[in-house]
Amino acid sequence: MPKLLEVRPADGRKLWLRYDDGTVGEVDLADLAGKGVFQKWDEHGVFESVTLADHGAPSWDEVLDLCLTRCSCA
């Protein structure tokens, strides 16, 4: 399974992703924003603070992470 190497915020509630097999693209997470634990993204600057966690998932402040279909989540 390809490993997620890089993640960064894109326009709106999208993430730009790059995998070790050369796949690059965006995923639109707008449908999650404002719901449940994803209400945190409504706070100024939170969504934009996304990082790549050690286990290979997009993460926000080590409190919230999101395993995408192609990530190498544990």
PDB file of N, CA and C in Angstrom:
ATOM      1  N   MET A   1       0.853  -1.185   0.000  1.00  0.00           N
ATOM      2  CA  MET A   1       0.000   0.000   0.000  1.00  0.00           C
ATOM      3  C   MET A   1       0.891   1.238   0.000  1.00  0.00           C
ATOM      4  N   PRO A   2       0.605   2.184  -0.884  1.00  0.00           N
ATOM      5  CA  PRO A   2       1.407   3.413  -0.938  1.00  0.00           C
ATOM      6  C   PRO A   2       1.380   4.166   0.393  1.00  0.00           C
ATOM      7  N   LYS A   3       2.501   4.789   0.698  1.00  0.00           N
ATOM      8  CA  LYS A   3       2.652   5.541   1.946  1.00  0.00           C
ATOM      9  C   LYS A   3       2.475   7.028   1.674  1.00  0.00           C
ATOM     10  N   LEU A   4       1.682   7.672   2.522  1.00  0.00           N
ATOM     11  CA  LEU A   4       1.494   9.114   2.426  1.00  0.00           C
ATOM     12  C   LEU A   4       2.781   9.803   2.883  1.00  0.00           C
ATOM     13  N   LEU A   5       3.336  10.665   2.017  1.00  0.00           N
ATOM     14  CA  LEU A   5       4.591  11.345   2.317  1.00  0.00           C
ATOM     15  C   LEU A   5       4.419  12.802   2.701  1.00  0.00           C
ATOM     16  N   GLU A   6       3.381  13.436   2.152  1.00  0.00           N
ATOM     17  CA  GLU A   6       3.231  14.874   2.371  1.00  0.00           C
ATOM     18  C   GLU A   6       1.759  15.245   2.343  1.00  0.00           C
ATOM     19  N   VAL A   7       1.388  16.159   3.223  1.00  0.00           N
ATOM     20  CA  VAL A   7       0.024  16.681   3.261  1.00  0.00           C
ATOM     21  C   VAL A   7       0.096  18.172   3.555  1.00  0.00           C
ATOM     22  N   ARG A   8      -0.773  18.919   2.884  1.00  0.00           N
ATOM     23  CA  ARG A   8      -0.854  20.358   3.180  1.00  0.00           C
ATOM     24  C   ARG A   8      -2.261  20.842   2.828  1.00  0.00           C
ATOM     25  N   PRO A   9      -2.681  21.914   3.472  1.00  0.00           N
ATOM     26  CA  PRO A   9      -4.031  22.428   3.192  1.00  0.00           C
ATOM     27  C   PRO A   9      -4.091  23.026   1.790  1.00  0.00           C
ATOM     28  N   ALA A  10      -5.259  22.898   1.178  1.00  0.00           N
ATOM     29  CA  ALA A  10      -5.523  23.513  -0.121  1.00  0.00           C
ATOM     30  C   ALA A  10      -6.747  24.420   0.046  1.00  0.00           C
ATOM     31  N   ASP A  11      -7.207  25.010  -1.030  1.00  0.00           N
ATOM     32  CA  ASP A  11      -8.360  25.916  -0.963  1.00  0.00           C
ATOM     33  C   ASP A  11      -9.581  25.223  -0.370  1.00  0.00           C
ATOM     34  N   GLY A  12     -10.342  25.969   0.410  1.00  0.00           N
ATOM     35  CA  GLY A  12     -11.532  25.411   1.035  1.00  0.00           C
ATOM     36  C   GLY A  12     -11.147  24.406   2.104  1.00  0.00           C
ATOM     37  N   ARG A  13     -11.881  23.359   2.201  1.00  0.00           N
ATOM     38  CA  ARG A  13     -11.584  22.286   3.160  1.00  0.00           C
ATOM     39  C   ARG A  13     -11.010  21.094   2.407  1.00  0.00           C
ATOM     40  N   LYS A  14      -9.962  21.376   1.625  1.00  0.00           N
ATOM     41  CA  LYS A  14      -9.293  20.336   0.853  1.00  0.00           C
ATOM     42  C   LYS A  14      -7.885  20.125   1.377  1.00  0.00           C
ATOM     43  N   LEU A  15      -7.404  18.900   1.202  1.00  0.00           N
ATOM     44  CA  LEU A  15      -6.017  18.573   1.509  1.00  0.00           C
ATOM     45  C   LEU A  15      -5.322  18.155   0.225  1.00  0.00           C
ATOM     46  N   TRP A  16      -4.103  18.644   0.044  1.00  0.00           N
ATOM     47  CA  TRP A  16      -3.238  18.200  -1.044  1.00  0.00           C
ATOM     48  C   TRP A  16      -2.395  17.070  -0.487  1.00  0.00           C
ATOM     49  N   LEU A  17      -2.306  15.952  -1.218  1.00  0.00           N
ATOM     50  CA  LEU A  17      -1.606  14.754  -0.744  1.00  0.00           C
ATOM     51  C   LEU A  17      -0.594  14.283  -1.764  1.00  0.00           C
ATOM     52  N   ARG A  18       0.541  13.760  -1.260  1.00  0.00           N
ATOM     53  CA  ARG A  18       1.553  13.148  -2.125  1.00  0.00           C
ATOM     54  C   ARG A  18       1.968  11.816  -1.512  1.00  0.00           C
ATOM     55  N   TYR A  19       1.916  10.747  -2.321  1.00  0.00           N
ATOM     56  CA  TYR A  19       2.258   9.395  -1.875  1.00  0.00           C
ATOM     57  C   TYR A  19       3.576   8.934  -2.481  1.00  0.00           C
ATOM     58  N   ASP A  20       4.170   7.908  -1.870  1.00  0.00           N
ATOM     59  CA  ASP A  20       5.475   7.429  -2.323  1.00  0.00           C
ATOM     60  C   ASP A  20       5.444   6.733  -3.681  1.00  0.00           C
ATOM     61  N   ASP A  21       4.280   6.427  -4.223  1.00  0.00           N
ATOM     62  CA  ASP A  21       4.201   5.821  -5.550  1.00  0.00           C
ATOM     63  C   ASP A  21       4.036   6.872  -6.652  1.00  0.00           C
ATOM     64  N   GLY A  22       4.133   8.163  -6.267  1.00  0.00           N
ATOM     65  CA  GLY A  22       4.029   9.245  -7.221  1.00  0.00           C
ATOM     66  C   GLY A  22       2.633   9.845  -7.346  1.00  0.00           C
ATOM     67  N   THR A  23       1.651   9.240  -6.714  1.00  0.00           N
ATOM     68  CA  THR A  23       0.294   9.769  -6.766  1.00  0.00           C
ATOM     69  C   THR A  23       0.232  11.101  -6.035  1.00  0.00           C
ATOM     70  N   VAL A  24      -0.385  12.089  -6.666  1.00  0.00           N
ATOM     71  CA  VAL A  24      -0.572  13.421  -6.099  1.00  0.00           C
ATOM     72  C   VAL A  24      -2.009  13.830  -6.387  1.00  0.00           C
ATOM     73  N   GLY A  25      -2.647  14.456  -5.412  1.00  0.00           N
ATOM     74  CA  GLY A  25      -4.002  14.923  -5.651  1.00  0.00           C
ATOM     75  C   GLY A  25      -4.586  15.607  -4.439  1.00  0.00           C
ATOM     76  N   GLU A  26      -5.847  15.974  -4.574  1.00  0.00           N
ATOM     77  CA  GLU A  26      -6.554  16.649  -3.483  1.00  0.00           C
ATOM     78  C   GLU A  26      -7.758  15.833  -3.069  1.00  0.00           C
ATOM     79  N   VAL A  27      -8.102  15.928  -1.802  1.00  0.00           N
ATOM     80  CA  VAL A  27      -9.313  15.321  -1.277  1.00  0.00           C
ATOM     81  C   VAL A  27     -10.133  16.433  -0.625  1.00  0.00           C
ATOM     82  N   ASP A  28     -11.413  16.474  -0.945  1.00  0.00           N
ATOM     83  CA  ASP A  28     -12.316  17.504  -0.427  1.00  0.00           C
ATOM     84  C   ASP A  28     -12.985  16.964   0.836  1.00  0.00           C
ATOM     85  N   LEU A  29     -12.732  17.616   1.952  1.00  0.00           N
ATOM     86  CA  LEU A  29     -13.274  17.190   3.246  1.00  0.00           C
ATOM     87  C   LEU A  29     -14.387  18.104   3.737  1.00  0.00           C
ATOM     88  N   ALA A  30     -14.924  18.938   2.851  1.00  0.00           N
ATOM     89  CA  ALA A  30     -15.949  19.916   3.232  1.00  0.00           C
ATOM     90  C   ALA A  30     -17.167  19.259   3.861  1.00  0.00           C
ATOM     91  N   ASP A  31     -17.504  18.036   3.439  1.00  0.00           N
ATOM     92  CA  ASP A  31     -18.682  17.375   3.984  1.00  0.00           C
ATOM     93  C   ASP A  31     -18.502  16.972   5.450  1.00  0.00           C
ATOM     94  N   LEU A  32     -17.266  16.918   5.942  1.00  0.00           N
ATOM     95  CA  LEU A  32     -17.001  16.585   7.345  1.00  0.00           C
ATOM     96  C   LEU A  32     -16.955  17.823   8.248  1.00  0.00           C
ATOM     97  N   ALA A  33     -16.590  18.954   7.674  1.00  0.00           N
ATOM     98  CA  ALA A  33     -16.408  20.188   8.452  1.00  0.00           C
ATOM     99  C   ALA A  33     -17.672  20.551   9.219  1.00  0.00           C
ATOM    100  N   GLY A  34     -17.471  20.907  10.478  1.00  0.00           N
ATOM    101  CA  GLY A  34     -18.568  21.350  11.322  1.00  0.00           C
ATOM    102  C   GLY A  34     -19.361  20.231  11.975  1.00  0.00           C
ATOM    103  N   LYS A  35     -18.980  18.988  11.724  1.00  0.00           N
ATOM    104  CA  LYS A  35     -19.700  17.841  12.274  1.00  0.00           C
ATOM    105  C   LYS A  35     -18.841  17.113  13.305  1.00  0.00           C
ATOM    106  N   GLY A  36     -19.425  16.811  14.459  1.00  0.00           N
ATOM    107  CA  GLY A  36     -18.725  16.025  15.477  1.00  0.00           C
ATOM    108  C   GLY A  36     -17.360  16.596  15.821  1.00  0.00           C
ATOM    109  N   VAL A  37     -16.359  15.718  15.828  1.00  0.00           N
ATOM    110  CA  VAL A  37     -15.000  16.145  16.177  1.00  0.00           C
ATOM    111  C   VAL A  37     -14.435  17.139  15.168  1.00  0.00           C
ATOM    112  N   PHE A  38     -15.011  17.156  13.955  1.00  0.00           N
ATOM    113  CA  PHE A  38     -14.518  18.055  12.916  1.00  0.00           C
ATOM    114  C   PHE A  38     -15.018  19.486  13.092  1.00  0.00           C
ATOM    115  N   GLN A  39     -15.788  19.765  14.126  1.00  0.00           N
ATOM    116  CA  GLN A  39     -16.159  21.142  14.454  1.00  0.00           C
ATOM    117  C   GLN A  39     -14.915  21.955  14.785  1.00  0.00           C
ATOM    118  N   LYS A  40     -13.889  21.282  15.240  1.00  0.00           N
ATOM    119  CA  LYS A  40     -12.611  21.936  15.570  1.00  0.00           C
ATOM    120  C   LYS A  40     -12.064  22.713  14.367  1.00  0.00           C
ATOM    121  N   TRP A  41     -12.335  22.226  13.152  1.00  0.00           N
ATOM    122  CA  TRP A  41     -11.845  22.885  11.942  1.00  0.00           C
ATOM    123  C   TRP A  41     -12.456  24.266  11.765  1.00  0.00           C
ATOM    124  N   ASP A  42     -13.590  24.538  12.426  1.00  0.00           N
ATOM    125  CA  ASP A  42     -14.234  25.847  12.312  1.00  0.00           C
ATOM    126  C   ASP A  42     -13.469  26.936  13.065  1.00  0.00           C
ATOM    127  N   GLU A  43     -12.580  26.530  13.969  1.00  0.00           N
ATOM    128  CA  GLU A  43     -11.760  27.495  14.700  1.00  0.00           C
ATOM    129  C   GLU A  43     -10.681  28.032  13.753  1.00  0.00           C
ATOM    130  N   HIS A  44     -10.425  29.322  13.860  1.00  0.00           N
ATOM    131  CA  HIS A  44      -9.474  30.002  12.977  1.00  0.00           C
ATOM    132  C   HIS A  44      -8.114  29.294  12.938  1.00  0.00           C
ATOM    133  N   GLY A  45      -7.683  28.929  11.742  1.00  0.00           N
ATOM    134  CA  GLY A  45      -6.353  28.374  11.527  1.00  0.00           C
ATOM    135  C   GLY A  45      -6.168  26.903  11.835  1.00  0.00           C
ATOM    136  N   VAL A  46      -7.176  26.246  12.387  1.00  0.00           N
ATOM    137  CA  VAL A  46      -7.005  24.839  12.775  1.00  0.00           C
ATOM    138  C   VAL A  46      -6.848  23.938  11.553  1.00  0.00           C
ATOM    139  N   PHE A  47      -7.751  24.027  10.583  1.00  0.00           N
ATOM    140  CA  PHE A  47      -7.640  23.161   9.407  1.00  0.00           C
ATOM    141  C   PHE A  47      -6.299  23.353   8.715  1.00  0.00           C
ATOM    142  N   GLU A  48      -5.855  24.578   8.630  1.00  0.00           N
ATOM    143  CA  GLU A  48      -4.592  24.912   7.952  1.00  0.00           C
ATOM    144  C   GLU A  48      -3.366  24.405   8.704  1.00  0.00           C
ATOM    145  N   SER A  49      -3.521  23.983   9.946  1.00  0.00           N
ATOM    146  CA  SER A  49      -2.388  23.511  10.747  1.00  0.00           C
ATOM    147  C   SER A  49      -2.119  22.017  10.561  1.00  0.00           C
ATOM    148  N   VAL A  50      -2.713  21.403   9.548  1.00  0.00           N
ATOM    149  CA  VAL A  50      -2.549  19.970   9.316  1.00  0.00           C
ATOM    150  C   VAL A  50      -1.074  19.602   9.173  1.00  0.00           C
ATOM    151  N   THR A  51      -0.721  18.451   9.745  1.00  0.00           N
ATOM    152  CA  THR A  51       0.624  17.896   9.623  1.00  0.00           C
ATOM    153  C   THR A  51       0.491  16.411   9.316  1.00  0.00           C
ATOM    154  N   LEU A  52       1.589  15.771   8.992  1.00  0.00           N
ATOM    155  CA  LEU A  52       1.608  14.341   8.762  1.00  0.00           C
ATOM    156  C   LEU A  52       2.089  13.663  10.040  1.00  0.00           C
ATOM    157  N   ALA A  53       1.218  12.862  10.658  1.00  0.00           N
ATOM    158  CA  ALA A  53       1.563  12.165  11.900  1.00  0.00           C
ATOM    159  C   ALA A  53       2.566  11.046  11.618  1.00  0.00           C
ATOM    160  N   ASP A  54       3.257  10.609  12.660  1.00  0.00           N
ATOM    161  CA  ASP A  54       4.244   9.538  12.528  1.00  0.00           C
ATOM    162  C   ASP A  54       3.642   8.263  11.940  1.00  0.00           C
ATOM    163  N   HIS A  55       2.374   7.993  12.204  1.00  0.00           N
ATOM    164  CA  HIS A  55       1.741   6.775  11.692  1.00  0.00           C
ATOM    165  C   HIS A  55       1.181   6.955  10.286  1.00  0.00           C
ATOM    166  N   GLY A  56       1.414   8.105   9.657  1.00  0.00           N
ATOM    167  CA  GLY A  56       1.096   8.301   8.255  1.00  0.00           C
ATOM    168  C   GLY A  56      -0.247   8.898   7.928  1.00  0.00           C
ATOM    169  N   ALA A  57      -0.897   9.522   8.879  1.00  0.00           N
ATOM    170  CA  ALA A  57      -2.211  10.122   8.633  1.00  0.00           C
ATOM    171  C   ALA A  57      -2.151  11.635   8.804  1.00  0.00           C
ATOM    172  N   PRO A  58      -3.000  12.361   8.062  1.00  0.00           N
ATOM    173  CA  PRO A  58      -3.129  13.795   8.324  1.00  0.00           C
ATOM    174  C   PRO A  58      -3.595  13.994   9.757  1.00  0.00           C
ATOM    175  N   SER A  59      -2.994  14.962  10.446  1.00  0.00           N
ATOM    176  CA  SER A  59      -3.264  15.149  11.870  1.00  0.00           C
ATOM    177  C   SER A  59      -3.357  16.623  12.207  1.00  0.00           C
ATOM    178  N   TRP A  60      -4.174  16.919  13.206  1.00  0.00           N
ATOM    179  CA  TRP A  60      -4.342  18.281  13.703  1.00  0.00           C
ATOM    180  C   TRP A  60      -4.091  18.267  15.196  1.00  0.00           C
ATOM    181  N   ASP A  61      -2.994  18.885  15.634  1.00  0.00           N
ATOM    182  CA  ASP A  61      -2.654  19.031  17.052  1.00  0.00           C
ATOM    183  C   ASP A  61      -2.620  17.714  17.820  1.00  0.00           C
ATOM    184  N   GLU A  62      -2.296  16.628  17.186  1.00  0.00           N
ATOM    185  CA  GLU A  62      -2.205  15.315  17.828  1.00  0.00           C
ATOM    186  C   GLU A  62      -3.489  14.916  18.562  1.00  0.00           C
ATOM    187  N   VAL A  63      -4.578  15.625  18.310  1.00  0.00           N
ATOM    188  CA  VAL A  63      -5.856  15.324  18.936  1.00  0.00           C
ATOM    189  C   VAL A  63      -6.792  14.688  17.917  1.00  0.00           C
ATOM    190  N   LEU A  64      -6.647  15.070  16.661  1.00  0.00           N
ATOM    191  CA  LEU A  64      -7.531  14.621  15.601  1.00  0.00           C
ATOM    192  C   LEU A  64      -6.692  14.167  14.427  1.00  0.00           C
ATOM    193  N   ASP A  65      -6.954  12.947  13.953  1.00  0.00           N
ATOM    194  CA  ASP A  65      -6.307  12.522  12.717  1.00  0.00           C
ATOM    195  C   ASP A  65      -7.339  11.853  11.828  1.00  0.00           C
ATOM    196  N   LEU A  66      -6.968  11.665  10.585  1.00  0.00           N
ATOM    197  CA  LEU A  66      -7.906  11.168   9.603  1.00  0.00           C
ATOM    198  C   LEU A  66      -7.183  10.170   8.700  1.00  0.00           C
ATOM    199  N   CYS A  67      -7.624   8.934   8.721  1.00  0.00           N
ATOM    200  CA  CYS A  67      -7.014   7.929   7.864  1.00  0.00           C
ATOM    201  C   CYS A  67      -7.722   7.962   6.517  1.00  0.00           C
ATOM    202  N   LEU A  68      -6.983   8.291   5.491  1.00  0.00           N
ATOM    203  CA  LEU A  68      -7.521   8.316   4.134  1.00  0.00           C
ATOM    204  C   LEU A  68      -7.274   6.954   3.505  1.00  0.00           C
ATOM    205  N   THR A  69      -8.045   6.597   2.532  1.00  0.00           N
ATOM    206  CA  THR A  69      -8.009   5.267   1.916  1.00  0.00           C
ATOM    207  C   THR A  69      -6.603   4.787   1.609  1.00  0.00           C
ATOM    208  N   ARG A  70      -5.748   5.652   1.122  1.00  0.00           N
ATOM    209  CA  ARG A  70      -4.422   5.229   0.701  1.00  0.00           C
ATOM    210  C   ARG A  70      -3.348   5.463   1.748  1.00  0.00           C
ATOM    211  N   CYS A  71      -3.684   5.912   2.949  1.00  0.00           N
ATOM    212  CA  CYS A  71      -2.639   6.179   3.943  1.00  0.00           C
ATOM    213  C   CYS A  71      -2.213   4.895   4.636  1.00  0.00           C
ATOM    214  N   SER A  72      -1.098   4.967   5.331  1.00  0.00           N
ATOM    215  CA  SER A  72      -0.553   3.787   6.004  1.00  0.00           C
ATOM    216  C   SER A  72      -0.819   3.854   7.500  1.00  0.00           C
ATOM    217  N   CYS A  73      -2.041   4.111   7.868  1.00  0.00           N
ATOM    218  CA  CYS A  73      -2.405   4.239   9.279  1.00  0.00           C
ATOM    219  C   CYS A  73      -2.235   2.915  10.014  1.00  0.00           C
ATOM    220  N   ALA A  74      -1.837   3.022  11.257  1.00  0.00           N
ATOM    221  CA  ALA A  74      -1.672   1.820  12.089  1.00  0.00           C
ATOM    222  C   ALA A  74      -2.997   1.379  12.648  1.00  0.00           C
TER     223      ALA A  74
END
